[in-house]
């Protein structure tokens, strides 16, 4: 199972960029098959570019910090 602390630390590094645009992200779950589930909040929740933010920003940072992460999904 993935280290939730390391995942949360990676999310904290991404959070200032999201907040700058009026959004935020919350860690919801980490599955047994290494999928990280997050909730996009604020402006990120309704932004048409949120999938780019999710995959290109959040997922990229998490995979860099915790290579065992398989993917990141919004819930």
C-alpha atoms as a PDB file:
ATOM      1  CA  UNK A   1       0.000   0.000   0.000  1.00  0.00           C
ATOM      2  CA  UNK A   2       1.183   3.511  -0.776  1.00  0.00           C
ATOM      3  CA  UNK A   3       2.420   5.886   1.908  1.00  0.00           C
ATOM      4  CA  UNK A   4      -0.428   8.363   2.408  1.00  0.00           C
ATOM      5  CA  UNK A   5       1.960  10.823   4.072  1.00  0.00           C
ATOM      6  CA  UNK A   6       4.162  11.038   0.978  1.00  0.00           C
ATOM      7  CA  UNK A   7       1.081  11.436  -1.208  1.00  0.00           C
ATOM      8  CA  UNK A   8      -0.254  14.227   1.003  1.00  0.00           C
ATOM      9  CA  UNK A   9       3.153  15.960   0.911  1.00  0.00           C
ATOM     10  CA  UNK A  10       3.123  15.868  -2.903  1.00  0.00           C
ATOM     11  CA  UNK A  11      -0.397  17.282  -2.948  1.00  0.00           C
ATOM     12  CA  UNK A  12       0.769  20.098  -0.659  1.00  0.00           C
ATOM     13  CA  UNK A  13       3.424  21.024  -3.245  1.00  0.00           C
ATOM     14  CA  UNK A  14       0.760  21.310  -5.982  1.00  0.00           C
ATOM     15  CA  UNK A  15      -1.841  23.082  -3.839  1.00  0.00           C
ATOM     16  CA  UNK A  16      -0.389  26.656  -4.110  1.00  0.00           C
ATOM     17  CA  UNK A  17      -0.689  26.537  -7.912  1.00  0.00           C
ATOM     18  CA  UNK A  18      -4.326  25.462  -7.661  1.00  0.00           C
ATOM     19  CA  UNK A  19      -5.145  28.068  -5.031  1.00  0.00           C
ATOM     20  CA  UNK A  20      -3.632  30.790  -7.194  1.00  0.00           C
ATOM     21  CA  UNK A  21      -6.423  30.085  -9.693  1.00  0.00           C
ATOM     22  CA  UNK A  22      -9.145  29.750  -7.057  1.00  0.00           C
ATOM     23  CA  UNK A  23      -9.080  25.963  -6.776  1.00  0.00           C
ATOM     24  CA  UNK A  24      -7.933  23.261  -4.421  1.00  0.00           C
ATOM     25  CA  UNK A  25      -7.540  19.494  -4.166  1.00  0.00           C
ATOM     26  CA  UNK A  26      -8.385  17.041  -1.394  1.00  0.00           C
ATOM     27  CA  UNK A  27      -7.026  13.508  -0.964  1.00  0.00           C
ATOM     28  CA  UNK A  28     -10.015  11.156  -0.761  1.00  0.00           C
ATOM     29  CA  UNK A  29      -8.596   7.641  -0.956  1.00  0.00           C
ATOM     30  CA  UNK A  30      -5.687   5.453  -1.980  1.00  0.00           C
ATOM     31  CA  UNK A  31      -6.800   2.106  -3.391  1.00  0.00           C
ATOM     32  CA  UNK A  32      -5.039  -1.226  -2.958  1.00  0.00           C
ATOM     33  CA  UNK A  33      -4.016  -1.118  -6.633  1.00  0.00           C
ATOM     34  CA  UNK A  34      -2.194   2.236  -6.133  1.00  0.00           C
ATOM     35  CA  UNK A  35      -4.818   4.555  -7.603  1.00  0.00           C
ATOM     36  CA  UNK A  36      -5.034   7.899  -5.811  1.00  0.00           C
ATOM     37  CA  UNK A  37      -8.521   9.409  -5.660  1.00  0.00           C
ATOM     38  CA  UNK A  38      -8.832  13.146  -5.186  1.00  0.00           C
ATOM     39  CA  UNK A  39     -11.594  15.712  -5.160  1.00  0.00           C
ATOM     40  CA  UNK A  40     -11.032  18.905  -7.120  1.00  0.00           C
ATOM     41  CA  UNK A  41     -12.578  21.846  -5.285  1.00  0.00           C
ATOM     42  CA  UNK A  42     -13.357  25.481  -5.929  1.00  0.00           C
ATOM     43  CA  UNK A  43     -12.625  26.704  -9.445  1.00  0.00           C
ATOM     44  CA  UNK A  44     -10.937  23.374 -10.273  1.00  0.00           C
ATOM     45  CA  UNK A  45     -14.184  21.487  -9.738  1.00  0.00           C
ATOM     46  CA  UNK A  46     -15.942  23.207 -12.629  1.00  0.00           C
ATOM     47  CA  UNK A  47     -13.033  24.187 -14.864  1.00  0.00           C
ATOM     48  CA  UNK A  48     -13.053  22.703 -18.377  1.00  0.00           C
ATOM     49  CA  UNK A  49      -9.280  22.282 -18.096  1.00  0.00           C
ATOM     50  CA  UNK A  50      -9.518  20.267 -14.866  1.00  0.00           C
ATOM     51  CA  UNK A  51      -8.536  17.001 -16.582  1.00  0.00           C
ATOM     52  CA  UNK A  52      -5.309  18.692 -17.719  1.00  0.00           C
ATOM     53  CA  UNK A  53      -4.713  19.910 -14.176  1.00  0.00           C
ATOM     54  CA  UNK A  54      -5.433  16.451 -12.817  1.00  0.00           C
ATOM     55  CA  UNK A  55      -3.202  14.506 -15.206  1.00  0.00           C
ATOM     56  CA  UNK A  56      -0.534  17.061 -16.137  1.00  0.00           C
ATOM     57  CA  UNK A  57      -0.132  18.651 -12.721  1.00  0.00           C
ATOM     58  CA  UNK A  58      -1.344  16.555  -9.830  1.00  0.00           C
ATOM     59  CA  UNK A  59      -0.703  13.094 -11.289  1.00  0.00           C
ATOM     60  CA  UNK A  60       2.695  14.087 -12.674  1.00  0.00           C
ATOM     61  CA  UNK A  61       3.842  15.434  -9.293  1.00  0.00           C
ATOM     62  CA  UNK A  62       2.540  12.397  -7.426  1.00  0.00           C
ATOM     63  CA  UNK A  63       4.218   9.939  -9.800  1.00  0.00           C
ATOM     64  CA  UNK A  64       7.481  11.878  -9.504  1.00  0.00           C
ATOM     65  CA  UNK A  65       7.337  11.844  -5.696  1.00  0.00           C
ATOM     66  CA  UNK A  66       5.799   8.384  -5.264  1.00  0.00           C
ATOM     67  CA  UNK A  67       6.682   6.291  -8.352  1.00  0.00           C
ATOM     68  CA  UNK A  68       4.381   3.462  -7.255  1.00  0.00           C
ATOM     69  CA  UNK A  69       1.308   5.621  -8.003  1.00  0.00           C
ATOM     70  CA  UNK A  70      -0.536   3.996 -10.898  1.00  0.00           C
ATOM     71  CA  UNK A  71      -2.884   6.891 -11.660  1.00  0.00           C
ATOM     72  CA  UNK A  72      -4.838   9.765 -10.131  1.00  0.00           C
ATOM     73  CA  UNK A  73      -8.608   9.981 -10.548  1.00  0.00           C
ATOM     74  CA  UNK A  74     -11.101  12.677  -9.646  1.00  0.00           C
ATOM     75  CA  UNK A  75     -14.139  11.587  -7.642  1.00  0.00           C
END
